[in-house]
Amino acid sequence: MVCVRHFNQKTPKITIQRAFQRARQVCDLVHIHFHDLRHSAASELINAGVDLFTVGRVLGHKDPRSTQRYSHLAIDTLTVAVGKIGRKST
């Protein structure tokens, strides 16, 4: 996932996909698919406390329902939110 930081935001998708294909062959990880990286990135972002709206934007989801499938990972965030019910803000 760290390698994504080396690509410019305007790097064509096909360039990234071809680089991924070469890397997975070199590493003998042909069972890994490009979509697996997207899922891992979403999981990492949510576990780091990034909100679902932002995760959806990073993944390029046009429909928030696409991002909702990762909502089960946001349990800590939900716990904190529920804990704030009834508390006065300071």
PDB file of N, CA and C in Angstrom:
ATOM      1  N   MET A   1       0.820  -1.190   0.000  1.00  0.00           N
ATOM      2  CA  MET A   1       0.000   0.000   0.000  1.00  0.00           C
ATOM      3  C   MET A   1       0.862   1.250   0.000  1.00  0.00           C
ATOM      4  N   VAL A   2       2.016   1.193   0.582  1.00  0.00           N
ATOM      5  CA  VAL A   2       2.903   2.345   0.642  1.00  0.00           C
ATOM      6  C   VAL A   2       3.322   2.790  -0.754  1.00  0.00           C
ATOM      7  N   CYS A   3       3.420   1.862  -1.705  1.00  0.00           N
ATOM      8  CA  CYS A   3       3.864   2.217  -3.051  1.00  0.00           C
ATOM      9  C   CYS A   3       2.920   3.196  -3.727  1.00  0.00           C
ATOM     10  N   VAL A   4       1.666   3.254  -3.326  1.00  0.00           N
ATOM     11  CA  VAL A   4       0.704   4.192  -3.908  1.00  0.00           C
ATOM     12  C   VAL A   4       1.181   5.628  -3.741  1.00  0.00           C
ATOM     13  N   ARG A   5       1.894   5.904  -2.683  1.00  0.00           N
ATOM     14  CA  ARG A   5       2.387   7.262  -2.439  1.00  0.00           C
ATOM     15  C   ARG A   5       3.379   7.709  -3.507  1.00  0.00           C
ATOM     16  N   HIS A   6       3.962   6.782  -4.236  1.00  0.00           N
ATOM     17  CA  HIS A   6       4.950   7.115  -5.253  1.00  0.00           C
ATOM     18  C   HIS A   6       4.322   7.510  -6.582  1.00  0.00           C
ATOM     19  N   PHE A   7       3.025   7.313  -6.728  1.00  0.00           N
ATOM     20  CA  PHE A   7       2.339   7.667  -7.955  1.00  0.00           C
ATOM     21  C   PHE A   7       1.714   9.048  -7.824  1.00  0.00           C
ATOM     22  N   ASN A   8       1.798   9.814  -8.887  1.00  0.00           N
ATOM     23  CA  ASN A   8       1.131  11.100  -8.962  1.00  0.00           C
ATOM     24  C   ASN A   8      -0.374  10.849  -9.048  1.00  0.00           C
ATOM     25  N   GLN A   9      -1.164  11.728  -8.470  1.00  0.00           N
ATOM     26  CA  GLN A   9      -2.627  11.563  -8.501  1.00  0.00           C
ATOM     27  C   GLN A   9      -3.155  11.481  -9.936  1.00  0.00           C
ATOM     28  N   LYS A  10      -2.413  12.040 -10.884  1.00  0.00           N
ATOM     29  CA  LYS A  10      -2.867  12.062 -12.278  1.00  0.00           C
ATOM     30  C   LYS A  10      -2.293  10.911 -13.098  1.00  0.00           C
ATOM     31  N   THR A  11      -1.611   9.979 -12.431  1.00  0.00           N
ATOM     32  CA  THR A  11      -1.069   8.820 -13.132  1.00  0.00           C
ATOM     33  C   THR A  11      -2.222   8.022 -13.728  1.00  0.00           C
ATOM     34  N   PRO A  12      -2.152   7.707 -15.022  1.00  0.00           N
ATOM     35  CA  PRO A  12      -3.243   6.932 -15.635  1.00  0.00           C
ATOM     36  C   PRO A  12      -3.425   5.581 -14.938  1.00  0.00           C
ATOM     37  N   LYS A  13      -4.673   5.189 -14.825  1.00  0.00           N
ATOM     38  CA  LYS A  13      -5.017   3.936 -14.156  1.00  0.00           C
ATOM     39  C   LYS A  13      -4.288   2.748 -14.793  1.00  0.00           C
ATOM     40  N   ILE A  14      -4.197   2.732 -16.110  1.00  0.00           N
ATOM     41  CA  ILE A  14      -3.548   1.613 -16.795  1.00  0.00           C
ATOM     42  C   ILE A  14      -2.079   1.510 -16.424  1.00  0.00           C
ATOM     43  N   THR A  15      -1.423   2.634 -16.175  1.00  0.00           N
ATOM     44  CA  THR A  15      -0.011   2.628 -15.774  1.00  0.00           C
ATOM     45  C   THR A  15       0.150   1.944 -14.425  1.00  0.00           C
ATOM     46  N   ILE A  16      -0.742   2.266 -13.508  1.00  0.00           N
ATOM     47  CA  ILE A  16      -0.704   1.659 -12.172  1.00  0.00           C
ATOM     48  C   ILE A  16      -1.018   0.169 -12.261  1.00  0.00           C
ATOM     49  N   GLN A  17      -2.015  -0.177 -13.059  1.00  0.00           N
ATOM     50  CA  GLN A  17      -2.394  -1.583 -13.189  1.00  0.00           C
ATOM     51  C   GLN A  17      -1.262  -2.414 -13.796  1.00  0.00           C
ATOM     52  N   ARG A  18      -0.589  -1.882 -14.791  1.00  0.00           N
ATOM     53  CA  ARG A  18       0.519  -2.621 -15.406  1.00  0.00           C
ATOM     54  C   ARG A  18       1.678  -2.782 -14.423  1.00  0.00           C
ATOM     55  N   ALA A  19       1.965  -1.740 -13.664  1.00  0.00           N
ATOM     56  CA  ALA A  19       3.021  -1.834 -12.654  1.00  0.00           C
ATOM     57  C   ALA A  19       2.658  -2.897 -11.619  1.00  0.00           C
ATOM     58  N   PHE A  20       1.386  -2.933 -11.238  1.00  0.00           N
ATOM     59  CA  PHE A  20       0.918  -3.940 -10.276  1.00  0.00           C
ATOM     60  C   PHE A  20       1.080  -5.345 -10.854  1.00  0.00           C
ATOM     61  N   GLN A  21       0.696  -5.531 -12.123  1.00  0.00           N
ATOM     62  CA  GLN A  21       0.816  -6.843 -12.753  1.00  0.00           C
ATOM     63  C   GLN A  21       2.270  -7.327 -12.756  1.00  0.00           C
ATOM     64  N   ARG A  22       3.194  -6.444 -13.112  1.00  0.00           N
ATOM     65  CA  ARG A  22       4.618  -6.811 -13.116  1.00  0.00           C
ATOM     66  C   ARG A  22       5.092  -7.156 -11.706  1.00  0.00           C
ATOM     67  N   ALA A  23       4.699  -6.335 -10.733  1.00  0.00           N
ATOM     68  CA  ALA A  23       5.148  -6.557  -9.351  1.00  0.00           C
ATOM     69  C   ALA A  23       4.635  -7.872  -8.804  1.00  0.00           C
ATOM     70  N   ARG A  24       3.389  -8.201  -9.068  1.00  0.00           N
ATOM     71  CA  ARG A  24       2.849  -9.455  -8.517  1.00  0.00           C
ATOM     72  C   ARG A  24       3.496 -10.670  -9.165  1.00  0.00           C
ATOM     73  N   GLN A  25       3.893 -10.562 -10.429  1.00  0.00           N
ATOM     74  CA  GLN A  25       4.598 -11.675 -11.074  1.00  0.00           C
ATOM     75  C   GLN A  25       6.004 -11.831 -10.503  1.00  0.00           C
ATOM     76  N   VAL A  26       6.693 -10.707 -10.316  1.00  0.00           N
ATOM     77  CA  VAL A  26       8.047 -10.747  -9.760  1.00  0.00           C
ATOM     78  C   VAL A  26       8.027 -11.354  -8.358  1.00  0.00           C
ATOM     79  N   CYS A  27       7.004 -11.026  -7.587  1.00  0.00           N
ATOM     80  CA  CYS A  27       6.899 -11.502  -6.198  1.00  0.00           C
ATOM     81  C   CYS A  27       6.194 -12.853  -6.095  1.00  0.00           C
ATOM     82  N   ASP A  28       5.800 -13.414  -7.232  1.00  0.00           N
ATOM     83  CA  ASP A  28       5.081 -14.683  -7.263  1.00  0.00           C
ATOM     84  C   ASP A  28       3.809 -14.629  -6.411  1.00  0.00           C
ATOM     85  N   LEU A  29       3.070 -13.546  -6.582  1.00  0.00           N
ATOM     86  CA  LEU A  29       1.799 -13.366  -5.869  1.00  0.00           C
ATOM     87  C   LEU A  29       0.657 -13.224  -6.882  1.00  0.00           C
ATOM     88  N   VAL A  30       0.635 -14.124  -7.860  1.00  0.00           N
ATOM     89  CA  VAL A  30      -0.351 -14.013  -8.930  1.00  0.00           C
ATOM     90  C   VAL A  30      -1.791 -14.214  -8.448  1.00  0.00           C
ATOM     91  N   HIS A  31      -1.952 -14.716  -7.236  1.00  0.00           N
ATOM     92  CA  HIS A  31      -3.297 -14.902  -6.672  1.00  0.00           C
ATOM     93  C   HIS A  31      -3.869 -13.590  -6.118  1.00  0.00           C
ATOM     94  N   ILE A  32      -3.042 -12.555  -6.026  1.00  0.00           N
ATOM     95  CA  ILE A  32      -3.491 -11.244  -5.540  1.00  0.00           C
ATOM     96  C   ILE A  32      -4.029 -10.448  -6.725  1.00  0.00           C
ATOM     97  N   HIS A  33      -5.168  -9.810  -6.526  1.00  0.00           N
ATOM     98  CA  HIS A  33      -5.797  -9.015  -7.579  1.00  0.00           C
ATOM     99  C   HIS A  33      -5.752  -7.537  -7.216  1.00  0.00           C
ATOM    100  N   PHE A  34      -5.852  -6.694  -8.228  1.00  0.00           N
ATOM    101  CA  PHE A  34      -5.801  -5.251  -8.011  1.00  0.00           C
ATOM    102  C   PHE A  34      -6.887  -4.809  -7.034  1.00  0.00           C
ATOM    103  N   HIS A  35      -8.057  -5.414  -7.139  1.00  0.00           N
ATOM    104  CA  HIS A  35      -9.156  -5.054  -6.232  1.00  0.00           C
ATOM    105  C   HIS A  35      -8.810  -5.348  -4.774  1.00  0.00           C
ATOM    106  N   ASP A  36      -7.968  -6.343  -4.541  1.00  0.00           N
ATOM    107  CA  ASP A  36      -7.543  -6.659  -3.172  1.00  0.00           C
ATOM    108  C   ASP A  36      -6.839  -5.457  -2.543  1.00  0.00           C
ATOM    109  N   LEU A  37      -6.102  -4.701  -3.353  1.00  0.00           N
ATOM    110  CA  LEU A  37      -5.429  -3.506  -2.851  1.00  0.00           C
ATOM    111  C   LEU A  37      -6.441  -2.443  -2.443  1.00  0.00           C
ATOM    112  N   ARG A  38      -7.491  -2.294  -3.231  1.00  0.00           N
ATOM    113  CA  ARG A  38      -8.536  -1.318  -2.899  1.00  0.00           C
ATOM    114  C   ARG A  38      -9.195  -1.671  -1.568  1.00  0.00           C
ATOM    115  N   HIS A  39      -9.492  -2.959  -1.404  1.00  0.00           N
ATOM    116  CA  HIS A  39     -10.127  -3.413  -0.166  1.00  0.00           C
ATOM    117  C   HIS A  39      -9.189  -3.185   1.027  1.00  0.00           C
ATOM    118  N   SER A  40      -7.921  -3.500   0.850  1.00  0.00           N
ATOM    119  CA  SER A  40      -6.948  -3.291   1.928  1.00  0.00           C
ATOM    120  C   SER A  40      -6.815  -1.823   2.276  1.00  0.00           C
ATOM    121  N   ALA A  41      -6.790  -0.976   1.248  1.00  0.00           N
ATOM    122  CA  ALA A  41      -6.683   0.473   1.482  1.00  0.00           C
ATOM    123  C   ALA A  41      -7.897   0.970   2.258  1.00  0.00           C
ATOM    124  N   ALA A  42      -9.084   0.531   1.865  1.00  0.00           N
ATOM    125  CA  ALA A  42     -10.302   0.950   2.561  1.00  0.00           C
ATOM    126  C   ALA A  42     -10.268   0.489   4.015  1.00  0.00           C
ATOM    127  N   SER A  43      -9.862  -0.738   4.242  1.00  0.00           N
ATOM    128  CA  SER A  43      -9.802  -1.267   5.605  1.00  0.00           C
ATOM    129  C   SER A  43      -8.813  -0.471   6.455  1.00  0.00           C
ATOM    130  N   GLU A  44      -7.645  -0.183   5.901  1.00  0.00           N
ATOM    131  CA  GLU A  44      -6.631   0.589   6.628  1.00  0.00           C
ATOM    132  C   GLU A  44      -7.150   1.985   6.969  1.00  0.00           C
ATOM    133  N   LEU A  45      -7.784   2.635   6.010  1.00  0.00           N
ATOM    134  CA  LEU A  45      -8.301   3.990   6.238  1.00  0.00           C
ATOM    135  C   LEU A  45      -9.362   3.996   7.341  1.00  0.00           C
ATOM    136  N   ILE A  46     -10.289   3.068   7.265  1.00  0.00           N
ATOM    137  CA  ILE A  46     -11.365   3.021   8.264  1.00  0.00           C
ATOM    138  C   ILE A  46     -10.803   2.693   9.639  1.00  0.00           C
ATOM    139  N   ASN A  47      -9.879   1.747   9.709  1.00  0.00           N
ATOM    140  CA  ASN A  47      -9.275   1.397  10.997  1.00  0.00           C
ATOM    141  C   ASN A  47      -8.428   2.532  11.554  1.00  0.00           C
ATOM    142  N   ALA A  48      -8.031   3.472  10.691  1.00  0.00           N
ATOM    143  CA  ALA A  48      -7.275   4.643  11.141  1.00  0.00           C
ATOM    144  C   ALA A  48      -8.210   5.789  11.533  1.00  0.00           C
ATOM    145  N   GLY A  49      -9.528   5.542  11.469  1.00  0.00           N
ATOM    146  CA  GLY A  49     -10.487   6.538  11.908  1.00  0.00           C
ATOM    147  C   GLY A  49     -10.967   7.491  10.824  1.00  0.00           C
ATOM    148  N   VAL A  50     -10.651   7.201   9.561  1.00  0.00           N
ATOM    149  CA  VAL A  50     -11.114   8.049   8.459  1.00  0.00           C
ATOM    150  C   VAL A  50     -12.594   7.745   8.221  1.00  0.00           C
ATOM    151  N   ASP A  51     -13.388   8.800   8.045  1.00  0.00           N
ATOM    152  CA  ASP A  51     -14.831   8.619   7.880  1.00  0.00           C
ATOM    153  C   ASP A  51     -15.166   7.972   6.534  1.00  0.00           C
ATOM    154  N   LEU A  52     -16.332   7.352   6.463  1.00  0.00           N
ATOM    155  CA  LEU A  52     -16.746   6.623   5.271  1.00  0.00           C
ATOM    156  C   LEU A  52     -16.859   7.517   4.046  1.00  0.00           C
ATOM    157  N   PHE A  53     -17.288   8.750   4.221  1.00  0.00           N
ATOM    158  CA  PHE A  53     -17.400   9.674   3.089  1.00  0.00           C
ATOM    159  C   PHE A  53     -16.032   9.854   2.432  1.00  0.00           C
ATOM    160  N   THR A  54     -15.019  10.105   3.254  1.00  0.00           N
ATOM    161  CA  THR A  54     -13.670  10.318   2.734  1.00  0.00           C
ATOM    162  C   THR A  54     -13.116   9.046   2.108  1.00  0.00           C
ATOM    163  N   VAL A  55     -13.350   7.910   2.734  1.00  0.00           N
ATOM    164  CA  VAL A  55     -12.901   6.633   2.172  1.00  0.00           C
ATOM    165  C   VAL A  55     -13.528   6.435   0.791  1.00  0.00           C
ATOM    166  N   GLY A  56     -14.799   6.728   0.680  1.00  0.00           N
ATOM    167  CA  GLY A  56     -15.485   6.607  -0.608  1.00  0.00           C
ATOM    168  C   GLY A  56     -14.872   7.501  -1.673  1.00  0.00           C
ATOM    169  N   ARG A  57     -14.495   8.690  -1.279  1.00  0.00           N
ATOM    170  CA  ARG A  57     -13.856   9.615  -2.226  1.00  0.00           C
ATOM    171  C   ARG A  57     -12.493   9.089  -2.662  1.00  0.00           C
ATOM    172  N   VAL A  58     -11.721   8.562  -1.711  1.00  0.00           N
ATOM    173  CA  VAL A  58     -10.396   8.005  -2.035  1.00  0.00           C
ATOM    174  C   VAL A  58     -10.543   6.838  -3.015  1.00  0.00           C
ATOM    175  N   LEU A  59     -11.547   5.998  -2.793  1.00  0.00           N
ATOM    176  CA  LEU A  59     -11.752   4.829  -3.647  1.00  0.00           C
ATOM    177  C   LEU A  59     -12.433   5.177  -4.962  1.00  0.00           C
ATOM    178  N   GLY A  60     -12.958   6.392  -5.063  1.00  0.00           N
ATOM    179  CA  GLY A  60     -13.627   6.801  -6.288  1.00  0.00           C
ATOM    180  C   GLY A  60     -15.057   6.307  -6.400  1.00  0.00           C
ATOM    181  N   HIS A  61     -15.673   5.988  -5.266  1.00  0.00           N
ATOM    182  CA  HIS A  61     -17.062   5.535  -5.284  1.00  0.00           C
ATOM    183  C   HIS A  61     -17.991   6.701  -5.599  1.00  0.00           C
ATOM    184  N   LYS A  62     -18.884   6.495  -6.549  1.00  0.00           N
ATOM    185  CA  LYS A  62     -19.882   7.520  -6.877  1.00  0.00           C
ATOM    186  C   LYS A  62     -21.107   7.388  -5.985  1.00  0.00           C
ATOM    187  N   ASP A  63     -21.361   6.176  -5.539  1.00  0.00           N
ATOM    188  CA  ASP A  63     -22.529   5.895  -4.708  1.00  0.00           C
ATOM    189  C   ASP A  63     -22.057   5.498  -3.309  1.00  0.00           C
ATOM    190  N   PRO A  64     -22.550   6.205  -2.257  1.00  0.00           N
ATOM    191  CA  PRO A  64     -22.130   5.883  -0.888  1.00  0.00           C
ATOM    192  C   PRO A  64     -22.424   4.439  -0.477  1.00  0.00           C
ATOM    193  N   ARG A  65     -23.377   3.807  -1.143  1.00  0.00           N
ATOM    194  CA  ARG A  65     -23.692   2.416  -0.807  1.00  0.00           C
ATOM    195  C   ARG A  65     -22.512   1.486  -1.097  1.00  0.00           C
ATOM    196  N   SER A  66     -21.676   1.878  -2.058  1.00  0.00           N
ATOM    197  CA  SER A  66     -20.492   1.068  -2.364  1.00  0.00           C
ATOM    198  C   SER A  66     -19.527   1.070  -1.193  1.00  0.00           C
ATOM    199  N   THR A  67     -19.433   2.189  -0.509  1.00  0.00           N
ATOM    200  CA  THR A  67     -18.515   2.314   0.623  1.00  0.00           C
ATOM    201  C   THR A  67     -19.100   1.682   1.880  1.00  0.00           C
ATOM    202  N   GLN A  68     -20.402   1.588   1.953  1.00  0.00           N
ATOM    203  CA  GLN A  68     -21.071   1.044   3.142  1.00  0.00           C
ATOM    204  C   GLN A  68     -20.613  -0.365   3.485  1.00  0.00           C
ATOM    205  N   ARG A  69     -20.161  -1.114   2.491  1.00  0.00           N
ATOM    206  CA  ARG A  69     -19.738  -2.498   2.776  1.00  0.00           C
ATOM    207  C   ARG A  69     -18.563  -2.550   3.739  1.00  0.00           C
ATOM    208  N   TYR A  70     -17.866  -1.432   3.902  1.00  0.00           N
ATOM    209  CA  TYR A  70     -16.728  -1.378   4.827  1.00  0.00           C
ATOM    210  C   TYR A  70     -17.127  -0.850   6.202  1.00  0.00           C
ATOM    211  N   SER A  71     -18.386  -0.489   6.373  1.00  0.00           N
ATOM    212  CA  SER A  71     -18.824   0.142   7.623  1.00  0.00           C
ATOM    213  C   SER A  71     -18.663  -0.768   8.836  1.00  0.00           C
ATOM    214  N   HIS A  72     -18.677  -2.067   8.647  1.00  0.00           N
ATOM    215  CA  HIS A  72     -18.509  -2.985   9.781  1.00  0.00           C
ATOM    216  C   HIS A  72     -17.135  -2.834  10.429  1.00  0.00           C
ATOM    217  N   LEU A  73     -16.199  -2.243   9.709  1.00  0.00           N
ATOM    218  CA  LEU A  73     -14.853  -2.053  10.249  1.00  0.00           C
ATOM    219  C   LEU A  73     -14.759  -0.842  11.171  1.00  0.00           C
ATOM    220  N   ALA A  74     -15.772   0.014  11.153  1.00  0.00           N
ATOM    221  CA  ALA A  74     -15.726   1.275  11.892  1.00  0.00           C
ATOM    222  C   ALA A  74     -16.298   1.143  13.295  1.00  0.00           C
ATOM    223  N   ILE A  75     -16.142   0.017  13.930  1.00  0.00           N
ATOM    224  CA  ILE A  75     -16.755  -0.237  15.240  1.00  0.00           C
ATOM    225  C   ILE A  75     -16.240   0.725  16.306  1.00  0.00           C
ATOM    226  N   ASP A  76     -14.940   0.998  16.324  1.00  0.00           N
ATOM    227  CA  ASP A  76     -14.398   1.932  17.319  1.00  0.00           C
ATOM    228  C   ASP A  76     -15.002   3.318  17.139  1.00  0.00           C
ATOM    229  N   THR A  77     -15.130   3.744  15.897  1.00  0.00           N
ATOM    230  CA  THR A  77     -15.716   5.046  15.616  1.00  0.00           C
ATOM    231  C   THR A  77     -17.163   5.091  16.086  1.00  0.00           C
ATOM    232  N   LEU A  78     -17.894   4.021  15.848  1.00  0.00           N
ATOM    233  CA  LEU A  78     -19.295   3.958  16.277  1.00  0.00           C
ATOM    234  C   LEU A  78     -19.398   3.962  17.796  1.00  0.00           C
ATOM    235  N   THR A  79     -18.507   3.256  18.454  1.00  0.00           N
ATOM    236  CA  THR A  79     -18.509   3.203  19.913  1.00  0.00           C
ATOM    237  C   THR A  79     -18.274   4.593  20.500  1.00  0.00           C
ATOM    238  N   VAL A  80     -17.332   5.321  19.944  1.00  0.00           N
ATOM    239  CA  VAL A  80     -17.049   6.687  20.405  1.00  0.00           C
ATOM    240  C   VAL A  80     -18.262   7.578  20.167  1.00  0.00           C
ATOM    241  N   ALA A  81     -18.879   7.449  19.005  1.00  0.00           N
ATOM    242  CA  ALA A  81     -20.048   8.261  18.678  1.00  0.00           C
ATOM    243  C   ALA A  81     -21.197   8.010  19.653  1.00  0.00           C
ATOM    244  N   VAL A  82     -21.486   6.737  19.915  1.00  0.00           N
ATOM    245  CA  VAL A  82     -22.560   6.395  20.844  1.00  0.00           C
ATOM    246  C   VAL A  82     -22.230   6.887  22.249  1.00  0.00           C
ATOM    247  N   GLY A  83     -20.972   6.841  22.624  1.00  0.00           N
ATOM    248  CA  GLY A  83     -20.547   7.319  23.942  1.00  0.00           C
ATOM    249  C   GLY A  83     -20.761   8.818  24.133  1.00  0.00           C
ATOM    250  N   LYS A  84     -20.894   9.552  23.049  1.00  0.00           N
ATOM    251  CA  LYS A  84     -21.094  11.001  23.127  1.00  0.00           C
ATOM    252  C   LYS A  84     -22.554  11.387  23.305  1.00  0.00           C
ATOM    253  N   ILE A  85     -23.442  10.435  23.165  1.00  0.00           N
ATOM    254  CA  ILE A  85     -24.868  10.729  23.326  1.00  0.00           C
ATOM    255  C   ILE A  85     -25.137  11.161  24.764  1.00  0.00           C
ATOM    256  N   GLY A  86     -25.794  12.288  24.904  1.00  0.00           N
ATOM    257  CA  GLY A  86     -26.174  12.782  26.219  1.00  0.00           C
ATOM    258  C   GLY A  86     -25.093  13.555  26.952  1.00  0.00           C
ATOM    259  N   ARG A  87     -23.908  13.637  26.412  1.00  0.00           N
ATOM    260  CA  ARG A  87     -22.823  14.387  27.049  1.00  0.00           C
ATOM    261  C   ARG A  87     -22.837  15.829  26.566  1.00  0.00           C
ATOM    262  N   LYS A  88     -22.512  16.712  27.462  1.00  0.00           N
ATOM    263  CA  LYS A  88     -22.384  18.119  27.073  1.00  0.00           C
ATOM    264  C   LYS A  88     -21.010  18.327  26.481  1.00  0.00           C
ATOM    265  N   SER A  89     -20.969  19.099  25.402  1.00  0.00           N
ATOM    266  CA  SER A  89     -19.661  19.384  24.805  1.00  0.00           C
ATOM    267  C   SER A  89     -18.972  20.471  25.617  1.00  0.00           C
ATOM    268  N   THR A  90     -17.659  20.360  25.703  1.00  0.00           N
ATOM    269  CA  THR A  90     -16.895  21.348  26.493  1.00  0.00           C
ATOM    270  C   THR A  90     -16.053  22.224  25.613  1.00  0.00           C
TER     271      THR A  90
END
